[in-house]
Amino acid sequence: AAIARLGPAILLAESNIHHVPVYATRLYVIERGEIVFAGRPEELRRRPDLARIIGQAL
């Protein structure tokens, strides 16, 4: 419900993590079907523990 109030959304699956901040204001990292991160690109930069999932630093 809260997400719906934000307006239209686009789901983009991107394997190049460096493109994400250009296109997205919020992102989700999914590992084995589980959301392991939900937030803004700048918040992901502060999560070095996710480097093993995304394969590189943002």
PDB file of N, CA and C in Angstrom:
ATOM      1  N   ALA A   1       0.821  -1.189   0.000  1.00  0.00           N
ATOM      2  CA  ALA A   1       0.000   0.000   0.000  1.00  0.00           C
ATOM      3  C   ALA A   1       0.866   1.254   0.000  1.00  0.00           C
ATOM      4  N   ALA A   2       1.905   1.278   0.836  1.00  0.00           N
ATOM      5  CA  ALA A   2       2.780   2.452   0.889  1.00  0.00           C
ATOM      6  C   ALA A   2       3.529   2.625  -0.424  1.00  0.00           C
ATOM      7  N   ILE A   3       3.934   1.540  -1.026  1.00  0.00           N
ATOM      8  CA  ILE A   3       4.641   1.618  -2.308  1.00  0.00           C
ATOM      9  C   ILE A   3       3.710   2.156  -3.387  1.00  0.00           C
ATOM     10  N   ALA A   4       2.468   1.753  -3.370  1.00  0.00           N
ATOM     11  CA  ALA A   4       1.504   2.215  -4.366  1.00  0.00           C
ATOM     12  C   ALA A   4       1.327   3.729  -4.311  1.00  0.00           C
ATOM     13  N   ARG A   5       1.425   4.317  -3.151  1.00  0.00           N
ATOM     14  CA  ARG A   5       1.272   5.777  -3.017  1.00  0.00           C
ATOM     15  C   ARG A   5       2.444   6.538  -3.631  1.00  0.00           C
ATOM     16  N   LEU A   6       3.553   5.868  -3.852  1.00  0.00           N
ATOM     17  CA  LEU A   6       4.715   6.526  -4.443  1.00  0.00           C
ATOM     18  C   LEU A   6       4.541   6.774  -5.935  1.00  0.00           C
ATOM     19  N   GLY A   7       3.589   6.118  -6.549  1.00  0.00           N
ATOM     20  CA  GLY A   7       3.354   6.287  -7.976  1.00  0.00           C
ATOM     21  C   GLY A   7       3.897   5.119  -8.769  1.00  0.00           C
ATOM     22  N   PRO A   8       3.992   5.301 -10.090  1.00  0.00           N
ATOM     23  CA  PRO A   8       4.430   4.207 -10.955  1.00  0.00           C
ATOM     24  C   PRO A   8       5.842   3.728 -10.609  1.00  0.00           C
ATOM     25  N   ALA A   9       6.060   2.461 -10.875  1.00  0.00           N
ATOM     26  CA  ALA A   9       7.375   1.868 -10.637  1.00  0.00           C
ATOM     27  C   ALA A   9       7.763   1.023 -11.839  1.00  0.00           C
ATOM     28  N   ILE A  10       9.042   0.836 -12.009  1.00  0.00           N
ATOM     29  CA  ILE A  10       9.573  -0.018 -13.070  1.00  0.00           C
ATOM     30  C   ILE A  10      10.495  -1.026 -12.423  1.00  0.00           C
ATOM     31  N   LEU A  11      10.334  -2.275 -12.791  1.00  0.00           N
ATOM     32  CA  LEU A  11      11.232  -3.316 -12.319  1.00  0.00           C
ATOM     33  C   LEU A  11      12.312  -3.498 -13.366  1.00  0.00           C
ATOM     34  N   LEU A  12      13.552  -3.320 -12.968  1.00  0.00           N
ATOM     35  CA  LEU A  12      14.691  -3.459 -13.868  1.00  0.00           C
ATOM     36  C   LEU A  12      15.645  -4.466 -13.261  1.00  0.00           C
ATOM     37  N   ALA A  13      15.920  -5.517 -13.974  1.00  0.00           N
ATOM     38  CA  ALA A  13      16.921  -6.491 -13.526  1.00  0.00           C
ATOM     39  C   ALA A  13      18.218  -6.136 -14.237  1.00  0.00           C
ATOM     40  N   GLU A  14      19.239  -5.792 -13.478  1.00  0.00           N
ATOM     41  CA  GLU A  14      20.499  -5.316 -14.049  1.00  0.00           C
ATOM     42  C   GLU A  14      21.655  -6.057 -13.418  1.00  0.00           C
ATOM     43  N   SER A  15      22.510  -6.626 -14.245  1.00  0.00           N
ATOM     44  CA  SER A  15      23.664  -7.355 -13.720  1.00  0.00           C
ATOM     45  C   SER A  15      24.884  -6.457 -13.531  1.00  0.00           C
ATOM     46  N   ASN A  16      24.901  -5.286 -14.153  1.00  0.00           N
ATOM     47  CA  ASN A  16      26.013  -4.355 -13.987  1.00  0.00           C
ATOM     48  C   ASN A  16      25.633  -3.354 -12.896  1.00  0.00           C
ATOM     49  N   ILE A  17      26.159  -3.565 -11.711  1.00  0.00           N
ATOM     50  CA  ILE A  17      25.782  -2.770 -10.539  1.00  0.00           C
ATOM     51  C   ILE A  17      26.102  -1.283 -10.711  1.00  0.00           C
ATOM     52  N   HIS A  18      27.031  -0.945 -11.599  1.00  0.00           N
ATOM     53  CA  HIS A  18      27.387   0.465 -11.802  1.00  0.00           C
ATOM     54  C   HIS A  18      26.292   1.239 -12.537  1.00  0.00           C
ATOM     55  N   HIS A  19      25.389   0.555 -13.222  1.00  0.00           N
ATOM     56  CA  HIS A  19      24.285   1.234 -13.899  1.00  0.00           C
ATOM     57  C   HIS A  19      23.152   1.588 -12.946  1.00  0.00           C
ATOM     58  N   VAL A  20      23.089   0.921 -11.832  1.00  0.00           N
ATOM     59  CA  VAL A  20      21.951   1.061 -10.919  1.00  0.00           C
ATOM     60  C   VAL A  20      21.716   2.502 -10.456  1.00  0.00           C
ATOM     61  N   PRO A  21      22.710   3.230  -9.949  1.00  0.00           N
ATOM     62  CA  PRO A  21      22.434   4.593  -9.461  1.00  0.00           C
ATOM     63  C   PRO A  21      21.930   5.542 -10.550  1.00  0.00           C
ATOM     64  N   VAL A  22      22.234   5.251 -11.802  1.00  0.00           N
ATOM     65  CA  VAL A  22      21.783   6.096 -12.906  1.00  0.00           C
ATOM     66  C   VAL A  22      20.276   5.969 -13.104  1.00  0.00           C
ATOM     67  N   TYR A  23      19.746   4.765 -12.910  1.00  0.00           N
ATOM     68  CA  TYR A  23      18.351   4.488 -13.231  1.00  0.00           C
ATOM     69  C   TYR A  23      17.426   4.353 -12.031  1.00  0.00           C
ATOM     70  N   ALA A  24      17.965   4.096 -10.857  1.00  0.00           N
ATOM     71  CA  ALA A  24      17.101   3.736  -9.730  1.00  0.00           C
ATOM     72  C   ALA A  24      17.324   4.629  -8.515  1.00  0.00           C
ATOM     73  N   THR A  25      16.231   4.926  -7.819  1.00  0.00           N
ATOM     74  CA  THR A  25      16.329   5.632  -6.543  1.00  0.00           C
ATOM     75  C   THR A  25      16.219   4.653  -5.379  1.00  0.00           C
ATOM     76  N   ARG A  26      15.650   3.476  -5.641  1.00  0.00           N
ATOM     77  CA  ARG A  26      15.576   2.400  -4.643  1.00  0.00           C
ATOM     78  C   ARG A  26      15.959   1.112  -5.336  1.00  0.00           C
ATOM     79  N   LEU A  27      16.574   0.222  -4.585  1.00  0.00           N
ATOM     80  CA  LEU A  27      16.945  -1.051  -5.178  1.00  0.00           C
ATOM     81  C   LEU A  27      16.814  -2.169  -4.164  1.00  0.00           C
ATOM     82  N   TYR A  28      16.747  -3.356  -4.705  1.00  0.00           N
ATOM     83  CA  TYR A  28      16.638  -4.569  -3.899  1.00  0.00           C
ATOM     84  C   TYR A  28      17.695  -5.539  -4.388  1.00  0.00           C
ATOM     85  N   VAL A  29      18.365  -6.188  -3.467  1.00  0.00           N
ATOM     86  CA  VAL A  29      19.305  -7.251  -3.796  1.00  0.00           C
ATOM     87  C   VAL A  29      18.645  -8.547  -3.351  1.00  0.00           C
ATOM     88  N   ILE A  30      18.532  -9.481  -4.286  1.00  0.00           N
ATOM     89  CA  ILE A  30      17.866 -10.753  -4.011  1.00  0.00           C
ATOM     90  C   ILE A  30      18.884 -11.876  -4.144  1.00  0.00           C
ATOM     91  N   GLU A  31      18.935 -12.711  -3.136  1.00  0.00           N
ATOM     92  CA  GLU A  31      19.820 -13.875  -3.160  1.00  0.00           C
ATOM     93  C   GLU A  31      18.983 -15.116  -2.884  1.00  0.00           C
ATOM     94  N   ARG A  32      19.011 -16.035  -3.831  1.00  0.00           N
ATOM     95  CA  ARG A  32      18.272 -17.296  -3.697  1.00  0.00           C
ATOM     96  C   ARG A  32      16.804 -17.076  -3.340  1.00  0.00           C
ATOM     97  N   GLY A  33      16.201 -16.085  -3.981  1.00  0.00           N
ATOM     98  CA  GLY A  33      14.785 -15.818  -3.779  1.00  0.00           C
ATOM     99  C   GLY A  33      14.436 -14.996  -2.552  1.00  0.00           C
ATOM    100  N   GLU A  34      15.425 -14.589  -1.782  1.00  0.00           N
ATOM    101  CA  GLU A  34      15.195 -13.799  -0.564  1.00  0.00           C
ATOM    102  C   GLU A  34      15.735 -12.382  -0.764  1.00  0.00           C
ATOM    103  N   ILE A  35      14.973 -11.382  -0.347  1.00  0.00           N
ATOM    104  CA  ILE A  35      15.463 -10.002  -0.382  1.00  0.00           C
ATOM    105  C   ILE A  35      16.442  -9.836   0.771  1.00  0.00           C
ATOM    106  N   VAL A  36      17.710  -9.570   0.434  1.00  0.00           N
ATOM    107  CA  VAL A  36      18.739  -9.405   1.463  1.00  0.00           C
ATOM    108  C   VAL A  36      19.112  -7.938   1.668  1.00  0.00           C
ATOM    109  N   PHE A  37      18.635  -7.072   0.780  1.00  0.00           N
ATOM    110  CA  PHE A  37      18.859  -5.635   0.936  1.00  0.00           C
ATOM    111  C   PHE A  37      17.730  -4.900   0.235  1.00  0.00           C
ATOM    112  N   ALA A  38      17.225  -3.858   0.868  1.00  0.00           N
ATOM    113  CA  ALA A  38      16.245  -2.957   0.271  1.00  0.00           C
ATOM    114  C   ALA A  38      16.615  -1.553   0.714  1.00  0.00           C
ATOM    115  N   GLY A  39      16.870  -0.677  -0.243  1.00  0.00           N
ATOM    116  CA  GLY A  39      17.233   0.683   0.122  1.00  0.00           C
ATOM    117  C   GLY A  39      17.700   1.493  -1.067  1.00  0.00           C
ATOM    118  N   ARG A  40      18.337   2.586  -0.770  1.00  0.00           N
ATOM    119  CA  ARG A  40      18.848   3.499  -1.795  1.00  0.00           C
ATOM    120  C   ARG A  40      20.270   3.089  -2.187  1.00  0.00           C
ATOM    121  N   PRO A  41      20.694   3.444  -3.407  1.00  0.00           N
ATOM    122  CA  PRO A  41      22.042   3.070  -3.842  1.00  0.00           C
ATOM    123  C   PRO A  41      23.142   3.518  -2.875  1.00  0.00           C
ATOM    124  N   GLU A  42      23.002   4.711  -2.292  1.00  0.00           N
ATOM    125  CA  GLU A  42      24.043   5.181  -1.366  1.00  0.00           C
ATOM    126  C   GLU A  42      24.100   4.335  -0.096  1.00  0.00           C
ATOM    127  N   GLU A  43      22.984   3.724   0.283  1.00  0.00           N
ATOM    128  CA  GLU A  43      22.986   2.829   1.446  1.00  0.00           C
ATOM    129  C   GLU A  43      23.713   1.523   1.121  1.00  0.00           C
ATOM    130  N   LEU A  44      23.586   1.068  -0.119  1.00  0.00           N
ATOM    131  CA  LEU A  44      24.271  -0.159  -0.528  1.00  0.00           C
ATOM    132  C   LEU A  44      25.785   0.015  -0.448  1.00  0.00           C
ATOM    133  N   ARG A  45      26.250   1.221  -0.740  1.00  0.00           N
ATOM    134  CA  ARG A  45      27.698   1.485  -0.661  1.00  0.00           C
ATOM    135  C   ARG A  45      28.245   1.252   0.747  1.00  0.00           C
ATOM    136  N   ARG A  46      27.397   1.386   1.746  1.00  0.00           N
ATOM    137  CA  ARG A  46      27.827   1.197   3.136  1.00  0.00           C
ATOM    138  C   ARG A  46      27.649  -0.245   3.603  1.00  0.00           C
ATOM    139  N   ARG A  47      27.428  -1.172   2.680  1.00  0.00           N
ATOM    140  CA  ARG A  47      27.209  -2.574   3.020  1.00  0.00           C
ATOM    141  C   ARG A  47      28.248  -3.466   2.338  1.00  0.00           C
ATOM    142  N   PRO A  48      29.496  -3.423   2.794  1.00  0.00           N
ATOM    143  CA  PRO A  48      30.531  -4.254   2.162  1.00  0.00           C
ATOM    144  C   PRO A  48      30.238  -5.748   2.276  1.00  0.00           C
ATOM    145  N   ASP A  49      29.388  -6.128   3.225  1.00  0.00           N
ATOM    146  CA  ASP A  49      29.033  -7.542   3.367  1.00  0.00           C
ATOM    147  C   ASP A  49      28.261  -8.062   2.153  1.00  0.00           C
ATOM    148  N   LEU A  50      27.698  -7.181   1.347  1.00  0.00           N
ATOM    149  CA  LEU A  50      26.961  -7.611   0.166  1.00  0.00           C
ATOM    150  C   LEU A  50      27.844  -7.751  -1.065  1.00  0.00           C
ATOM    151  N   ALA A  51      29.111  -7.406  -0.965  1.00  0.00           N
ATOM    152  CA  ALA A  51      30.024  -7.494  -2.106  1.00  0.00           C
ATOM    153  C   ALA A  51      30.104  -8.913  -2.654  1.00  0.00           C
ATOM    154  N   ARG A  52      29.992  -9.912  -1.801  1.00  0.00           N
ATOM    155  CA  ARG A  52      30.065 -11.295  -2.284  1.00  0.00           C
ATOM    156  C   ARG A  52      28.861 -11.638  -3.163  1.00  0.00           C
ATOM    157  N   ILE A  53      27.741 -10.937  -2.954  1.00  0.00           N
ATOM    158  CA  ILE A  53      26.543 -11.195  -3.754  1.00  0.00           C
ATOM    159  C   ILE A  53      26.591 -10.413  -5.062  1.00  0.00           C
ATOM    160  N   ILE A  54      26.887  -9.129  -4.973  1.00  0.00           N
ATOM    161  CA  ILE A  54      26.862  -8.296  -6.176  1.00  0.00           C
ATOM    162  C   ILE A  54      28.160  -8.380  -6.966  1.00  0.00           C
ATOM    163  N   GLY A  55      29.201  -8.926  -6.361  1.00  0.00           N
ATOM    164  CA  GLY A  55      30.432  -9.196  -7.086  1.00  0.00           C
ATOM    165  C   GLY A  55      31.406  -8.049  -7.192  1.00  0.00           C
ATOM    166  N   GLN A  56      30.996  -6.875  -6.784  1.00  0.00           N
ATOM    167  CA  GLN A  56      31.873  -5.713  -6.855  1.00  0.00           C
ATOM    168  C   GLN A  56      31.279  -4.587  -6.025  1.00  0.00           C
ATOM    169  N   ALA A  57      32.089  -3.619  -5.739  1.00  0.00           N
ATOM    170  CA  ALA A  57      31.609  -2.467  -4.960  1.00  0.00           C
ATOM    171  C   ALA A  57      30.847  -1.514  -5.865  1.00  0.00           C
ATOM    172  N   LEU A  58      29.875  -0.843  -5.305  1.00  0.00           N
ATOM    173  CA  LEU A  58      29.081   0.134  -6.045  1.00  0.00           C
ATOM    174  C   LEU A  58      29.822   1.444  -6.108  1.00  0.00           C
TER     175      LEU A  58
END
